[in-house]
N, C-alpha and C. Protein backbone atom coordinates (compact mmCIF):
# COMPACT_ATOMS: atom_id res chain seq x y z
N MET A 1 0.84 -1.20 0.00
CA MET A 1 0.00 0.00 0.00
C MET A 1 0.87 1.25 0.00
N THR A 2 0.46 2.26 -0.75
CA THR A 2 1.16 3.54 -0.72
C THR A 2 0.65 4.36 0.47
N ARG A 3 1.33 5.47 0.75
CA ARG A 3 0.87 6.34 1.83
C ARG A 3 -0.55 6.83 1.56
N LEU A 4 -0.84 7.16 0.29
CA LEU A 4 -2.20 7.60 -0.06
C LEU A 4 -3.21 6.51 0.20
N GLU A 5 -2.89 5.27 -0.17
CA GLU A 5 -3.83 4.17 0.05
C GLU A 5 -4.05 3.91 1.54
N ILE A 6 -2.99 4.03 2.33
CA ILE A 6 -3.14 3.85 3.78
C ILE A 6 -4.03 4.95 4.35
N ARG A 7 -3.77 6.20 3.96
CA ARG A 7 -4.57 7.32 4.47
C ARG A 7 -6.03 7.22 4.02
N THR A 8 -6.24 6.80 2.76
CA THR A 8 -7.61 6.64 2.24
C THR A 8 -8.35 5.56 3.01
N THR A 9 -7.67 4.48 3.33
CA THR A 9 -8.29 3.40 4.11
C THR A 9 -8.68 3.90 5.50
N ILE A 10 -7.80 4.70 6.11
CA ILE A 10 -8.12 5.28 7.42
C ILE A 10 -9.34 6.17 7.32
N ARG A 11 -9.40 7.01 6.27
CA ARG A 11 -10.56 7.88 6.06
C ARG A 11 -11.83 7.05 5.88
N ASP A 12 -11.74 5.99 5.07
CA ASP A 12 -12.92 5.15 4.81
C ASP A 12 -13.45 4.52 6.10
N LEU A 13 -12.52 4.08 6.96
CA LEU A 13 -12.93 3.40 8.19
C LEU A 13 -13.45 4.37 9.25
N THR A 14 -13.24 5.65 9.03
CA THR A 14 -13.81 6.66 9.94
C THR A 14 -14.94 7.43 9.25
N GLN A 15 -15.51 6.81 8.22
CA GLN A 15 -16.62 7.40 7.46
C GLN A 15 -16.30 8.80 6.93
N GLY A 16 -15.06 8.98 6.50
CA GLY A 16 -14.68 10.25 5.90
C GLY A 16 -14.55 11.39 6.89
N ASP A 17 -14.40 11.08 8.17
CA ASP A 17 -14.25 12.11 9.20
C ASP A 17 -13.09 13.05 8.84
N THR A 18 -13.35 14.37 8.91
CA THR A 18 -12.33 15.36 8.55
C THR A 18 -11.76 16.06 9.78
N TYR A 19 -11.94 15.47 10.97
CA TYR A 19 -11.43 16.07 12.20
C TYR A 19 -9.90 16.20 12.14
N PHE A 20 -9.24 15.20 11.55
CA PHE A 20 -7.80 15.22 11.41
C PHE A 20 -7.42 15.59 9.98
N THR A 21 -6.42 16.44 9.84
CA THR A 21 -5.95 16.84 8.51
C THR A 21 -5.10 15.73 7.89
N ASN A 22 -4.86 15.83 6.59
CA ASN A 22 -3.99 14.85 5.92
C ASN A 22 -2.59 14.86 6.52
N ASP A 23 -2.08 16.05 6.82
CA ASP A 23 -0.74 16.13 7.41
C ASP A 23 -0.68 15.43 8.76
N GLN A 24 -1.73 15.59 9.58
CA GLN A 24 -1.75 14.92 10.88
C GLN A 24 -1.77 13.40 10.71
N ILE A 25 -2.59 12.92 9.79
CA ILE A 25 -2.67 11.48 9.55
C ILE A 25 -1.34 10.96 8.99
N ASN A 26 -0.73 11.74 8.10
CA ASN A 26 0.58 11.34 7.57
C ASN A 26 1.60 11.19 8.69
N ASN A 27 1.56 12.10 9.66
CA ASN A 27 2.49 12.00 10.80
C ASN A 27 2.22 10.74 11.62
N PHE A 28 0.92 10.41 11.80
CA PHE A 28 0.57 9.19 12.52
C PHE A 28 1.09 7.97 11.76
N ILE A 29 0.97 8.00 10.44
CA ILE A 29 1.43 6.86 9.63
C ILE A 29 2.93 6.66 9.80
N ASN A 30 3.70 7.74 9.70
CA ASN A 30 5.15 7.62 9.88
C ASN A 30 5.53 7.15 11.28
N THR A 31 4.79 7.65 12.29
CA THR A 31 5.05 7.21 13.66
C THR A 31 4.75 5.72 13.80
N ALA A 32 3.64 5.27 13.20
CA ALA A 32 3.28 3.86 13.26
C ALA A 32 4.36 3.00 12.61
N VAL A 33 4.85 3.42 11.44
CA VAL A 33 5.88 2.65 10.74
C VAL A 33 7.14 2.56 11.58
N ARG A 34 7.56 3.68 12.19
CA ARG A 34 8.77 3.66 13.02
C ARG A 34 8.62 2.70 14.19
N ASN A 35 7.47 2.78 14.87
CA ASN A 35 7.25 1.93 16.05
C ASN A 35 7.17 0.45 15.68
N ILE A 36 6.42 0.15 14.62
CA ILE A 36 6.28 -1.24 14.19
C ILE A 36 7.63 -1.76 13.71
N PHE A 37 8.33 -0.94 12.95
CA PHE A 37 9.63 -1.33 12.41
C PHE A 37 10.60 -1.71 13.52
N ALA A 38 10.64 -0.86 14.55
CA ALA A 38 11.57 -1.10 15.66
C ALA A 38 11.21 -2.38 16.41
N LYS A 39 9.93 -2.61 16.64
CA LYS A 39 9.52 -3.73 17.47
C LYS A 39 9.50 -5.06 16.73
N THR A 40 9.36 -5.01 15.40
CA THR A 40 9.42 -6.27 14.65
C THR A 40 10.85 -6.65 14.32
N ARG A 41 11.78 -5.73 14.55
CA ARG A 41 13.21 -5.98 14.35
C ARG A 41 13.55 -6.38 12.91
N HIS A 42 12.79 -5.80 11.97
CA HIS A 42 13.15 -5.98 10.55
C HIS A 42 14.20 -4.91 10.26
N THR A 43 15.39 -5.09 10.83
CA THR A 43 16.30 -3.95 10.91
C THR A 43 17.73 -4.20 10.45
N GLU A 44 18.01 -5.30 9.78
CA GLU A 44 19.41 -5.55 9.40
C GLU A 44 19.55 -5.78 7.90
N GLU A 45 20.61 -5.23 7.32
CA GLU A 45 20.87 -5.40 5.89
C GLU A 45 22.36 -5.48 5.64
N ALA A 46 22.73 -6.12 4.54
CA ALA A 46 24.11 -6.14 4.09
C ALA A 46 24.24 -5.16 2.92
N ARG A 47 25.22 -4.28 2.98
CA ARG A 47 25.42 -3.29 1.93
C ARG A 47 26.91 -3.18 1.59
N GLN A 48 27.22 -2.42 0.55
CA GLN A 48 28.62 -2.26 0.20
C GLN A 48 28.85 -0.93 -0.50
N ILE A 49 30.09 -0.44 -0.39
CA ILE A 49 30.54 0.75 -1.08
C ILE A 49 31.97 0.48 -1.56
N ASN A 50 32.50 1.35 -2.39
CA ASN A 50 33.88 1.21 -2.85
C ASN A 50 34.78 2.17 -2.09
N SER A 51 35.96 1.70 -1.75
CA SER A 51 36.93 2.58 -1.12
C SER A 51 37.53 3.51 -2.16
N VAL A 52 38.16 4.59 -1.68
CA VAL A 52 38.86 5.55 -2.52
C VAL A 52 40.27 5.67 -1.98
N ALA A 53 41.26 5.56 -2.84
CA ALA A 53 42.64 5.67 -2.38
C ALA A 53 42.87 7.01 -1.69
N GLY A 54 43.38 6.96 -0.47
CA GLY A 54 43.67 8.17 0.28
C GLY A 54 42.50 8.72 1.07
N GLN A 55 41.34 8.03 1.05
CA GLN A 55 40.16 8.51 1.80
C GLN A 55 39.89 7.55 2.94
N PHE A 56 39.79 8.09 4.17
CA PHE A 56 39.57 7.18 5.30
C PHE A 56 38.17 7.27 5.89
N GLU A 57 37.36 8.28 5.52
CA GLU A 57 36.00 8.39 6.03
C GLU A 57 35.00 8.39 4.89
N TYR A 58 33.85 7.70 5.10
CA TYR A 58 32.85 7.53 4.07
C TYR A 58 31.46 7.80 4.63
N ALA A 59 30.69 8.63 3.91
CA ALA A 59 29.31 8.91 4.31
C ALA A 59 28.45 7.68 4.07
N ILE A 60 27.64 7.33 5.07
CA ILE A 60 26.76 6.16 5.00
C ILE A 60 25.31 6.61 4.81
N GLU A 61 24.47 5.77 4.19
CA GLU A 61 23.10 6.11 3.87
C GLU A 61 22.32 6.59 5.10
N ASN A 62 21.33 7.46 4.85
CA ASN A 62 20.58 8.10 5.93
C ASN A 62 19.82 7.12 6.81
N ASP A 63 19.40 5.96 6.26
CA ASP A 63 18.57 5.05 7.06
C ASP A 63 19.40 4.12 7.95
N VAL A 64 20.71 4.19 7.87
CA VAL A 64 21.56 3.32 8.68
C VAL A 64 21.69 3.90 10.09
N GLN A 65 21.35 3.08 11.09
CA GLN A 65 21.43 3.50 12.48
C GLN A 65 22.79 3.18 13.08
N SER A 66 23.33 2.02 12.75
CA SER A 66 24.65 1.63 13.26
C SER A 66 25.24 0.57 12.34
N ILE A 67 26.56 0.44 12.40
CA ILE A 67 27.28 -0.54 11.59
C ILE A 67 27.67 -1.71 12.49
N LEU A 68 27.35 -2.93 12.07
CA LEU A 68 27.56 -4.10 12.91
C LEU A 68 28.88 -4.80 12.59
N THR A 69 29.18 -5.01 11.32
CA THR A 69 30.44 -5.64 10.92
C THR A 69 30.90 -5.00 9.61
N VAL A 70 32.22 -5.05 9.37
CA VAL A 70 32.80 -4.49 8.14
C VAL A 70 33.87 -5.45 7.62
N THR A 71 33.89 -5.68 6.31
CA THR A 71 34.99 -6.41 5.67
C THR A 71 35.54 -5.56 4.54
N TYR A 72 36.80 -5.77 4.24
CA TYR A 72 37.48 -5.01 3.18
C TYR A 72 38.07 -5.99 2.18
N ASP A 73 37.70 -5.81 0.91
CA ASP A 73 38.21 -6.67 -0.16
C ASP A 73 37.94 -8.15 0.11
N ASP A 74 36.74 -8.44 0.67
CA ASP A 74 36.32 -9.82 0.98
C ASP A 74 37.28 -10.54 1.91
N GLY A 75 37.98 -9.77 2.74
CA GLY A 75 38.88 -10.39 3.71
C GLY A 75 38.20 -10.65 5.03
N TYR A 76 39.00 -10.81 6.07
CA TYR A 76 38.46 -11.04 7.40
C TYR A 76 37.75 -9.79 7.90
N PRO A 77 36.76 -9.96 8.81
CA PRO A 77 36.09 -8.79 9.39
C PRO A 77 37.11 -7.86 10.06
N LEU A 78 36.92 -6.56 9.85
CA LEU A 78 37.80 -5.58 10.47
C LEU A 78 37.48 -5.48 11.96
N THR A 79 38.46 -5.07 12.74
CA THR A 79 38.29 -4.88 14.18
C THR A 79 37.65 -3.53 14.45
N HIS A 80 36.59 -3.53 15.25
CA HIS A 80 35.94 -2.26 15.59
C HIS A 80 36.70 -1.55 16.70
N ARG A 81 36.94 -0.26 16.49
CA ARG A 81 37.56 0.59 17.49
C ARG A 81 36.69 1.81 17.72
N GLY A 82 36.68 2.31 18.95
CA GLY A 82 35.98 3.56 19.22
C GLY A 82 36.67 4.71 18.51
N TYR A 83 35.90 5.67 18.05
CA TYR A 83 36.49 6.81 17.34
C TYR A 83 37.51 7.53 18.19
N GLU A 84 37.23 7.62 19.51
CA GLU A 84 38.16 8.31 20.40
C GLU A 84 39.52 7.63 20.42
N VAL A 85 39.50 6.29 20.38
CA VAL A 85 40.76 5.55 20.38
C VAL A 85 41.57 5.87 19.13
N ILE A 86 40.90 5.83 17.98
CA ILE A 86 41.57 6.13 16.71
C ILE A 86 42.05 7.58 16.70
N ALA A 87 41.16 8.51 17.10
CA ALA A 87 41.49 9.94 17.04
C ALA A 87 42.67 10.28 17.93
N ASN A 88 42.81 9.56 19.04
CA ASN A 88 43.91 9.84 19.95
C ASN A 88 45.26 9.34 19.43
N THR A 89 45.22 8.55 18.37
CA THR A 89 46.49 8.03 17.84
C THR A 89 46.92 8.73 16.56
N HIS A 90 46.01 8.77 15.55
CA HIS A 90 46.49 9.32 14.28
C HIS A 90 45.42 9.86 13.34
N VAL A 91 44.24 10.26 13.81
CA VAL A 91 43.23 10.79 12.89
C VAL A 91 42.75 12.15 13.38
N PRO A 92 42.75 13.20 12.52
CA PRO A 92 43.45 13.23 11.24
C PRO A 92 44.91 13.62 11.43
N SER A 93 45.76 13.07 10.62
CA SER A 93 47.19 13.34 10.78
C SER A 93 47.92 12.98 9.51
N ASP A 94 48.95 13.75 9.21
CA ASP A 94 49.77 13.44 8.04
C ASP A 94 50.53 12.12 8.22
N THR A 95 50.64 11.70 9.48
CA THR A 95 51.40 10.48 9.75
C THR A 95 50.51 9.25 9.86
N ALA A 96 49.20 9.39 9.59
CA ALA A 96 48.31 8.24 9.65
C ALA A 96 48.78 7.18 8.67
N PRO A 97 48.78 5.90 9.07
CA PRO A 97 49.28 4.84 8.18
C PRO A 97 48.40 4.65 6.95
N VAL A 98 49.01 4.23 5.87
CA VAL A 98 48.31 3.94 4.62
C VAL A 98 48.56 2.48 4.26
N GLY A 99 47.51 1.80 3.77
CA GLY A 99 47.66 0.39 3.41
C GLY A 99 46.33 -0.31 3.38
N THR A 100 46.30 -1.58 3.76
CA THR A 100 45.07 -2.36 3.81
C THR A 100 44.42 -2.18 5.18
N PRO A 101 43.18 -1.68 5.22
CA PRO A 101 42.53 -1.44 6.51
C PRO A 101 42.38 -2.72 7.34
N THR A 102 42.58 -2.59 8.63
CA THR A 102 42.38 -3.70 9.57
C THR A 102 41.41 -3.31 10.68
N GLU A 103 41.09 -2.01 10.79
CA GLU A 103 40.21 -1.51 11.84
C GLU A 103 39.19 -0.53 11.23
N TYR A 104 38.06 -0.41 11.91
CA TYR A 104 37.07 0.58 11.49
C TYR A 104 36.45 1.23 12.72
N TYR A 105 35.89 2.41 12.50
CA TYR A 105 35.13 3.10 13.54
C TYR A 105 33.92 3.76 12.88
N GLU A 106 32.98 4.17 13.68
CA GLU A 106 31.84 4.93 13.17
C GLU A 106 31.60 6.11 14.09
N ARG A 107 31.12 7.18 13.53
CA ARG A 107 30.83 8.36 14.34
C ARG A 107 29.76 9.19 13.64
N ARG A 108 29.10 10.03 14.42
CA ARG A 108 28.12 10.95 13.89
C ARG A 108 28.79 12.30 13.69
N THR A 109 28.50 12.92 12.57
CA THR A 109 29.08 14.22 12.30
C THR A 109 28.03 15.08 11.60
N ALA A 110 28.38 16.30 11.30
CA ALA A 110 27.47 17.15 10.52
C ALA A 110 27.39 16.59 9.11
N ARG A 111 26.31 16.91 8.41
CA ARG A 111 26.12 16.37 7.07
C ARG A 111 27.19 16.91 6.12
N ALA A 112 27.68 16.03 5.27
CA ALA A 112 28.74 16.43 4.36
C ALA A 112 28.26 16.39 2.92
N SER A 113 28.83 17.24 2.10
CA SER A 113 28.51 17.20 0.68
C SER A 113 29.62 16.42 -0.01
N GLY A 114 29.58 15.09 0.17
CA GLY A 114 30.59 14.24 -0.44
C GLY A 114 31.87 14.25 0.38
N LEU A 115 32.04 13.25 1.20
CA LEU A 115 33.22 13.20 2.06
C LEU A 115 34.43 12.75 1.23
N VAL A 116 35.24 13.67 0.85
CA VAL A 116 36.48 13.33 0.17
C VAL A 116 37.59 13.74 1.11
N VAL A 117 38.20 12.77 1.74
CA VAL A 117 39.16 13.05 2.79
C VAL A 117 40.51 12.44 2.44
N VAL A 118 41.53 13.23 2.51
CA VAL A 118 42.88 12.74 2.25
C VAL A 118 43.66 12.78 3.55
N PRO A 119 44.75 12.05 3.66
CA PRO A 119 45.52 12.06 4.90
C PRO A 119 45.87 13.48 5.33
N GLY A 120 45.58 13.75 6.61
CA GLY A 120 45.89 15.06 7.16
C GLY A 120 44.80 16.09 6.94
N ALA A 121 43.75 15.75 6.20
CA ALA A 121 42.68 16.71 5.93
C ALA A 121 41.49 16.46 6.83
N THR A 122 40.63 17.46 6.94
CA THR A 122 39.40 17.35 7.73
C THR A 122 38.22 17.31 6.77
N PRO A 123 37.20 16.45 7.01
CA PRO A 123 36.06 16.39 6.10
C PRO A 123 35.37 17.75 5.99
N THR A 124 34.91 18.09 4.78
CA THR A 124 34.11 19.29 4.59
C THR A 124 32.68 18.93 4.99
N VAL A 125 32.25 19.41 6.15
CA VAL A 125 30.96 18.99 6.67
C VAL A 125 30.00 20.15 6.76
N SER A 126 28.84 19.92 6.63
CA SER A 126 27.86 20.98 6.77
C SER A 126 26.59 20.44 7.37
N PRO A 127 23.28 18.15 9.27
CA PRO A 127 22.92 17.79 10.53
C PRO A 127 23.15 16.35 10.51
N SER A 128 22.89 15.53 11.21
CA SER A 128 23.68 14.37 11.61
C SER A 128 23.85 13.36 10.48
N LEU A 129 25.07 12.92 10.30
CA LEU A 129 25.40 11.93 9.28
C LEU A 129 26.26 10.86 9.92
N LEU A 130 25.99 9.60 9.57
CA LEU A 130 26.83 8.52 10.06
C LEU A 130 28.03 8.36 9.12
N VAL A 131 29.21 8.31 9.72
CA VAL A 131 30.44 8.20 8.95
C VAL A 131 31.15 6.91 9.34
N LEU A 132 31.62 6.18 8.33
CA LEU A 132 32.44 4.99 8.54
C LEU A 132 33.89 5.36 8.27
N GLY A 133 34.77 5.06 9.23
CA GLY A 133 36.18 5.35 9.06
C GLY A 133 37.01 4.09 9.03
N LEU A 134 38.05 4.05 8.21
CA LEU A 134 38.93 2.89 8.07
C LEU A 134 40.37 3.25 8.41
N MET A 135 41.07 2.34 9.07
CA MET A 135 42.48 2.49 9.38
C MET A 135 43.19 1.15 9.19
N PRO A 136 44.36 1.10 8.58
CA PRO A 136 45.04 2.20 7.89
C PRO A 136 44.19 2.78 6.75
N ILE A 137 44.59 3.93 6.27
CA ILE A 137 43.86 4.58 5.18
C ILE A 137 44.02 3.74 3.91
N PRO A 138 42.92 3.41 3.22
CA PRO A 138 43.02 2.61 1.99
C PRO A 138 43.94 3.27 0.97
N ASN A 139 44.72 2.45 0.28
CA ASN A 139 45.62 2.99 -0.74
C ASN A 139 45.22 2.56 -2.15
N GLU A 140 44.02 1.92 -2.27
CA GLU A 140 43.52 1.53 -3.59
C GLU A 140 42.01 1.35 -3.53
N VAL A 141 41.41 1.16 -4.69
CA VAL A 141 39.95 0.98 -4.78
C VAL A 141 39.60 -0.49 -4.53
N LYS A 142 38.84 -0.72 -3.46
CA LYS A 142 38.39 -2.07 -3.12
C LYS A 142 36.93 -1.98 -2.64
N VAL A 143 36.29 -3.15 -2.50
CA VAL A 143 34.90 -3.19 -2.02
C VAL A 143 34.88 -3.26 -0.50
N ILE A 144 34.13 -2.35 0.10
CA ILE A 144 33.89 -2.36 1.55
C ILE A 144 32.49 -2.90 1.76
N LYS A 145 32.37 -4.04 2.42
CA LYS A 145 31.06 -4.61 2.72
C LYS A 145 30.75 -4.41 4.20
N TYR A 146 29.52 -4.00 4.50
CA TYR A 146 29.16 -3.80 5.90
C TYR A 146 27.74 -4.28 6.18
N HIS A 147 27.59 -4.87 7.34
CA HIS A 147 26.29 -5.33 7.83
C HIS A 147 25.81 -4.26 8.80
N CYS A 148 24.59 -3.78 8.61
CA CYS A 148 24.17 -2.62 9.39
C CYS A 148 22.75 -2.77 9.93
N SER A 149 22.48 -1.99 10.96
CA SER A 149 21.14 -1.87 11.53
C SER A 149 20.50 -0.64 10.91
N ILE A 150 19.30 -0.81 10.37
CA ILE A 150 18.66 0.30 9.66
C ILE A 150 17.35 0.71 10.31
N GLY A 151 16.90 1.90 9.98
CA GLY A 151 15.61 2.41 10.43
C GLY A 151 14.84 2.90 9.22
N PRO A 152 13.53 3.01 9.31
CA PRO A 152 12.73 3.39 8.14
C PRO A 152 12.88 4.86 7.81
N SER A 153 12.91 5.17 6.53
CA SER A 153 12.88 6.56 6.09
C SER A 153 11.45 7.06 6.14
N ALA A 154 11.27 8.32 6.53
CA ALA A 154 9.92 8.90 6.59
C ALA A 154 9.31 8.97 5.19
N MET A 155 8.03 8.64 5.08
CA MET A 155 7.33 8.77 3.80
C MET A 155 6.92 10.23 3.63
N THR A 156 7.36 10.84 2.57
CA THR A 156 7.08 12.26 2.32
C THR A 156 6.15 12.47 1.14
N MET A 157 5.98 11.45 0.31
CA MET A 157 5.12 11.55 -0.87
C MET A 157 3.99 10.53 -0.77
N ASP A 158 2.84 10.85 -1.38
CA ASP A 158 1.72 9.92 -1.35
C ASP A 158 2.01 8.63 -2.11
N THR A 159 3.00 8.65 -2.98
CA THR A 159 3.35 7.44 -3.73
C THR A 159 4.36 6.57 -2.97
N ASP A 160 4.89 7.06 -1.85
CA ASP A 160 5.85 6.28 -1.06
C ASP A 160 5.17 5.08 -0.41
N THR A 161 5.91 4.01 -0.24
CA THR A 161 5.40 2.82 0.46
C THR A 161 6.23 2.57 1.71
N PRO A 162 5.63 2.04 2.77
CA PRO A 162 6.37 1.80 4.01
C PRO A 162 7.40 0.70 3.86
N GLN A 163 8.51 0.84 4.60
CA GLN A 163 9.57 -0.17 4.57
C GLN A 163 9.23 -1.31 5.53
N LEU A 164 8.10 -1.93 5.26
CA LEU A 164 7.62 -3.05 6.06
C LEU A 164 7.02 -4.07 5.11
N PRO A 165 6.98 -5.35 5.51
CA PRO A 165 6.37 -6.37 4.66
C PRO A 165 4.91 -6.01 4.35
N GLU A 166 4.46 -6.40 3.17
CA GLU A 166 3.09 -6.08 2.72
C GLU A 166 2.04 -6.53 3.73
N GLU A 167 2.29 -7.67 4.37
CA GLU A 167 1.28 -8.19 5.31
C GLU A 167 1.14 -7.32 6.56
N MET A 168 2.07 -6.36 6.74
CA MET A 168 1.98 -5.48 7.90
C MET A 168 1.30 -4.16 7.60
N HIS A 169 0.93 -3.91 6.34
CA HIS A 169 0.40 -2.60 5.99
C HIS A 169 -0.94 -2.31 6.64
N MET A 170 -1.82 -3.32 6.75
CA MET A 170 -3.09 -3.08 7.46
C MET A 170 -2.83 -2.86 8.94
N GLY A 171 -1.74 -3.41 9.44
CA GLY A 171 -1.37 -3.15 10.83
C GLY A 171 -1.09 -1.68 11.05
N ILE A 172 -0.52 -1.01 10.05
CA ILE A 172 -0.28 0.44 10.14
C ILE A 172 -1.61 1.18 10.27
N VAL A 173 -2.57 0.77 9.46
CA VAL A 173 -3.92 1.39 9.52
C VAL A 173 -4.51 1.21 10.91
N GLU A 174 -4.48 -0.01 11.41
CA GLU A 174 -5.09 -0.30 12.72
C GLU A 174 -4.35 0.41 13.85
N TYR A 175 -3.03 0.49 13.74
CA TYR A 175 -2.23 1.20 14.74
C TYR A 175 -2.65 2.67 14.78
N CYS A 176 -2.76 3.29 13.59
CA CYS A 176 -3.17 4.70 13.52
C CYS A 176 -4.57 4.90 14.07
N LEU A 177 -5.50 4.02 13.68
CA LEU A 177 -6.89 4.17 14.12
C LEU A 177 -7.02 4.03 15.63
N LYS A 178 -6.20 3.16 16.22
CA LYS A 178 -6.24 3.01 17.67
C LYS A 178 -6.00 4.34 18.37
N TYR A 179 -4.99 5.09 17.90
CA TYR A 179 -4.65 6.35 18.56
C TYR A 179 -5.51 7.51 18.08
N LEU A 180 -5.96 7.47 16.82
CA LEU A 180 -6.88 8.50 16.34
C LEU A 180 -8.20 8.42 17.10
N MET A 181 -8.68 7.20 17.35
CA MET A 181 -9.92 7.04 18.11
C MET A 181 -9.74 7.46 19.57
N MET A 182 -8.58 7.18 20.10
CA MET A 182 -8.30 7.59 21.48
C MET A 182 -8.31 9.12 21.59
N MET A 183 -7.70 9.79 20.62
CA MET A 183 -7.69 11.25 20.64
C MET A 183 -9.06 11.83 20.35
N GLY A 184 -9.86 11.07 19.63
CA GLY A 184 -11.21 11.53 19.33
C GLY A 184 -12.22 11.11 20.37
N SER A 185 -11.77 10.72 21.56
CA SER A 185 -12.65 10.32 22.67
C SER A 185 -13.54 9.16 22.30
N GLU A 186 -12.97 8.17 21.66
CA GLU A 186 -13.69 6.94 21.30
C GLU A 186 -12.94 5.75 21.89
N PRO A 187 -12.96 5.60 23.22
CA PRO A 187 -12.14 4.55 23.85
C PRO A 187 -12.52 3.14 23.43
N VAL A 188 -13.82 2.88 23.19
CA VAL A 188 -14.25 1.54 22.81
C VAL A 188 -13.68 1.18 21.45
N LEU A 189 -13.82 2.10 20.48
CA LEU A 189 -13.27 1.86 19.15
C LEU A 189 -11.75 1.74 19.20
N SER A 190 -11.13 2.55 20.05
CA SER A 190 -9.68 2.49 20.20
C SER A 190 -9.23 1.10 20.64
N ARG A 191 -9.94 0.53 21.63
CA ARG A 191 -9.60 -0.81 22.09
C ARG A 191 -9.83 -1.85 21.01
N GLU A 192 -10.92 -1.68 20.23
CA GLU A 192 -11.22 -2.63 19.17
C GLU A 192 -10.12 -2.63 18.10
N TYR A 193 -9.68 -1.44 17.72
CA TYR A 193 -8.62 -1.37 16.71
C TYR A 193 -7.30 -1.90 17.28
N GLY A 194 -7.08 -1.69 18.57
CA GLY A 194 -5.89 -2.26 19.20
C GLY A 194 -5.90 -3.77 19.14
N ASN A 195 -7.08 -4.37 19.38
CA ASN A 195 -7.21 -5.83 19.29
C ASN A 195 -7.02 -6.32 17.85
N MET A 196 -7.57 -5.56 16.90
CA MET A 196 -7.42 -5.92 15.49
C MET A 196 -5.95 -5.87 15.09
N PHE A 197 -5.26 -4.86 15.61
CA PHE A 197 -3.83 -4.72 15.29
C PHE A 197 -3.05 -5.93 15.79
N ARG A 198 -3.31 -6.35 17.02
CA ARG A 198 -2.60 -7.51 17.57
C ARG A 198 -2.91 -8.77 16.76
N GLU A 199 -4.17 -8.90 16.33
CA GLU A 199 -4.54 -10.07 15.53
C GLU A 199 -3.84 -10.06 14.18
N SER A 200 -3.76 -8.88 13.54
CA SER A 200 -3.09 -8.80 12.25
C SER A 200 -1.61 -9.10 12.40
N GLN A 201 -1.03 -8.73 13.55
CA GLN A 201 0.37 -9.05 13.82
C GLN A 201 0.59 -10.55 13.85
N MET A 202 -0.31 -11.26 14.53
CA MET A 202 -0.19 -12.70 14.63
C MET A 202 -0.36 -13.36 13.27
N ASN A 203 -1.31 -12.83 12.46
CA ASN A 203 -1.51 -13.38 11.12
C ASN A 203 -0.29 -13.16 10.25
N ALA A 204 0.31 -11.96 10.37
CA ALA A 204 1.50 -11.66 9.59
C ALA A 204 2.65 -12.56 10.00
N LYS A 205 2.74 -12.82 11.29
CA LYS A 205 3.82 -13.67 11.80
C LYS A 205 3.72 -15.08 11.24
N SER A 206 2.52 -15.62 11.19
CA SER A 206 2.35 -16.99 10.72
C SER A 206 2.43 -17.10 9.20
N ALA A 207 2.11 -15.96 8.50
CA ALA A 207 2.10 -16.00 7.04
C ALA A 207 3.43 -15.62 6.42
N ALA A 208 4.33 -15.03 7.24
CA ALA A 208 5.60 -14.54 6.71
C ALA A 208 6.38 -15.67 6.06
N LYS A 209 6.84 -15.44 4.81
CA LYS A 209 7.61 -16.46 4.10
C LYS A 209 8.88 -16.00 3.57
N PRO A 210 9.64 -15.32 3.10
CA PRO A 210 10.72 -16.25 3.44
C PRO A 210 11.46 -15.85 4.70
N ASN A 211 11.08 -14.71 5.33
CA ASN A 211 11.85 -14.24 6.48
C ASN A 211 10.97 -14.08 7.72
N PRO A 212 10.45 -15.16 8.26
CA PRO A 212 9.55 -15.03 9.40
C PRO A 212 10.23 -14.45 10.63
N ARG A 213 11.56 -14.45 10.67
CA ARG A 213 12.23 -14.00 11.88
C ARG A 213 11.98 -12.51 12.15
N TYR A 214 11.64 -11.71 11.09
CA TYR A 214 11.48 -10.29 11.37
C TYR A 214 10.05 -9.89 11.65
N ILE A 215 9.13 -10.86 11.69
CA ILE A 215 7.76 -10.56 12.06
C ILE A 215 7.55 -11.07 13.48
N ARG A 216 7.52 -10.18 14.41
CA ARG A 216 7.31 -10.51 15.81
C ARG A 216 6.08 -9.77 16.31
N GLU A 217 5.44 -10.31 17.28
CA GLU A 217 4.26 -9.63 17.80
C GLU A 217 4.66 -8.31 18.43
N VAL A 218 3.93 -7.27 18.08
CA VAL A 218 4.19 -5.95 18.63
C VAL A 218 3.19 -5.68 19.73
N GLU A 219 3.70 -5.33 20.91
CA GLU A 219 2.81 -5.02 22.01
C GLU A 219 2.46 -3.55 21.99
N ASP A 220 1.42 -3.19 22.72
CA ASP A 220 0.98 -1.80 22.75
C ASP A 220 2.09 -0.92 23.29
């Protein structure tokens, strides 16, 4: 379902009630997706980028919350180090070692317009961005593979679809209706939609195919 289809379904189930604006309902939809996403733990992905010779920091996609493991050139997993540990030794510095990376760190920084970092330089940064750093500094172009924990991107267009399995989309509707009814002083309907939401969760859990591990029952 698209955001428009979810919002239209919510409108239909409230008999076209206009008490809430489209923007308010859109905010409820995004909140529902974030909460469901977090609690169902559909949150891990494998991704990759290419290294750049002489660059030790790389901007990571906006939906990545944290980096779990990193490999370089299909070798052994790199050792994770705290940024403070690395920074206290040689970052940034003209004397930072260059070669095949054996360690990585992650840190939050201001948003950058393309992190192109050379030894001894500071990233040109301009609000929060996750950065992956490698040490020693890569001296050639290789594939960096990383396993990461992700979070859903907010839906901003009516054509956007939630980053959740299709079988969970009605759960978004029911989750929203539970709280919309509560705010509209309809406690009985709120409880009914809450029960429907839990039931749809159980149905999604049993119907999930090929990745049932990420469909878990979400509690209120």
